Amino acid sequence: MPNGKPGDHPITDILLHNIRVFSRKADRLIREICNLGGRDELEAEIDLLRPPQIRELERILQELRDRLKREGGE
């Protein structure tokens, strides 16, 4: 069971421990998504413990980030 330590979960590794998990772009997009309040959507749409190939992951993350920005009126 995850307890917030490094290596427990990709999101906490990125947000709390500043560990690069996927790629600079993917990790930045994950930070942006979470800052926009989209963590639940992120976890519902992508299994980050078994992510797709990096380019596909970045594409999905960018689409999610863009959708959250549109919905948020930014």
Protein backbone atom coordinates (compact mmCIF):
# COMPACT_ATOMS: atom_id res chain seq x y z
CA MET A 1 0.00 0.00 0.00
CA PRO A 2 1.43 3.42 -0.98
CA ASN A 3 2.49 5.62 1.91
CA GLY A 4 3.89 8.65 0.07
CA LYS A 5 7.51 7.57 -0.01
CA PRO A 6 9.58 7.90 -3.19
CA GLY A 7 8.74 5.15 -5.62
CA ASP A 8 5.26 4.49 -4.24
CA HIS A 9 3.26 6.17 -7.00
CA PRO A 10 4.15 8.18 -10.10
CA ILE A 11 2.00 11.18 -9.15
CA THR A 12 3.51 11.59 -5.68
CA ASP A 13 6.97 11.00 -7.11
CA ILE A 14 6.42 13.87 -9.56
CA LEU A 15 4.52 16.28 -7.30
CA LEU A 16 6.06 15.72 -3.88
CA HIS A 17 9.51 14.30 -4.50
CA ASN A 18 10.36 16.04 -7.81
CA ILE A 19 11.52 12.73 -9.28
CA ARG A 20 11.42 12.44 -13.06
CA VAL A 21 9.17 9.49 -13.82
CA PHE A 22 8.29 9.56 -17.51
CA SER A 23 9.77 12.44 -19.52
CA ARG A 24 10.22 16.12 -18.79
CA LYS A 25 7.20 16.92 -20.95
CA ALA A 26 4.97 14.21 -19.45
CA ASP A 27 5.92 15.09 -15.88
CA ARG A 28 5.31 18.80 -16.56
CA LEU A 29 1.89 18.00 -18.03
CA ILE A 30 1.02 15.88 -14.99
CA ARG A 31 1.95 18.81 -12.72
CA GLU A 32 -0.19 21.17 -14.81
CA ILE A 33 -3.14 18.77 -14.79
CA CYS A 34 -2.99 18.40 -11.02
CA ASN A 35 -2.65 22.18 -10.56
CA LEU A 36 -5.79 22.59 -12.66
CA GLY A 37 -7.64 20.24 -10.30
CA GLY A 38 -7.61 17.33 -12.72
CA ARG A 39 -5.94 14.65 -10.65
CA ASP A 40 -9.10 12.53 -10.46
CA GLU A 41 -9.57 12.74 -14.23
CA LEU A 42 -5.91 11.90 -14.76
CA GLU A 43 -6.13 8.79 -12.61
CA ALA A 44 -9.43 7.77 -14.26
CA GLU A 45 -8.09 8.13 -17.81
CA ILE A 46 -4.56 6.73 -17.51
CA ASP A 47 -3.15 3.85 -15.51
CA LEU A 48 0.15 5.50 -14.61
CA LEU A 49 1.43 2.24 -13.17
CA ARG A 50 1.07 0.72 -16.65
CA PRO A 51 1.30 3.75 -18.95
CA PRO A 52 1.25 3.68 -22.73
CA GLN A 53 4.38 4.42 -24.77
CA ILE A 54 5.81 7.86 -23.94
CA ARG A 55 4.62 9.65 -27.10
CA GLU A 56 1.09 8.32 -26.63
CA LEU A 57 1.21 9.23 -22.93
CA GLU A 58 2.31 12.79 -23.76
CA ARG A 59 -0.47 13.10 -26.36
CA ILE A 60 -3.15 11.92 -23.90
CA LEU A 61 -1.80 14.19 -21.15
CA GLN A 62 -1.75 17.20 -23.46
CA GLU A 63 -5.34 16.56 -24.54
CA LEU A 64 -6.45 16.24 -20.91
CA ARG A 65 -4.59 19.40 -19.90
CA ASP A 66 -6.07 21.35 -22.82
CA ARG A 67 -9.58 20.12 -22.00
CA LEU A 68 -9.21 21.14 -18.35
CA LYS A 69 -8.01 24.60 -19.40
CA ARG A 70 -10.99 25.03 -21.74
CA GLU A 71 -13.44 23.86 -19.09
CA GLY A 72 -11.83 26.14 -16.53
CA GLY A 73 -12.15 29.18 -18.75
CA GLU A 74 -8.43 29.85 -18.94
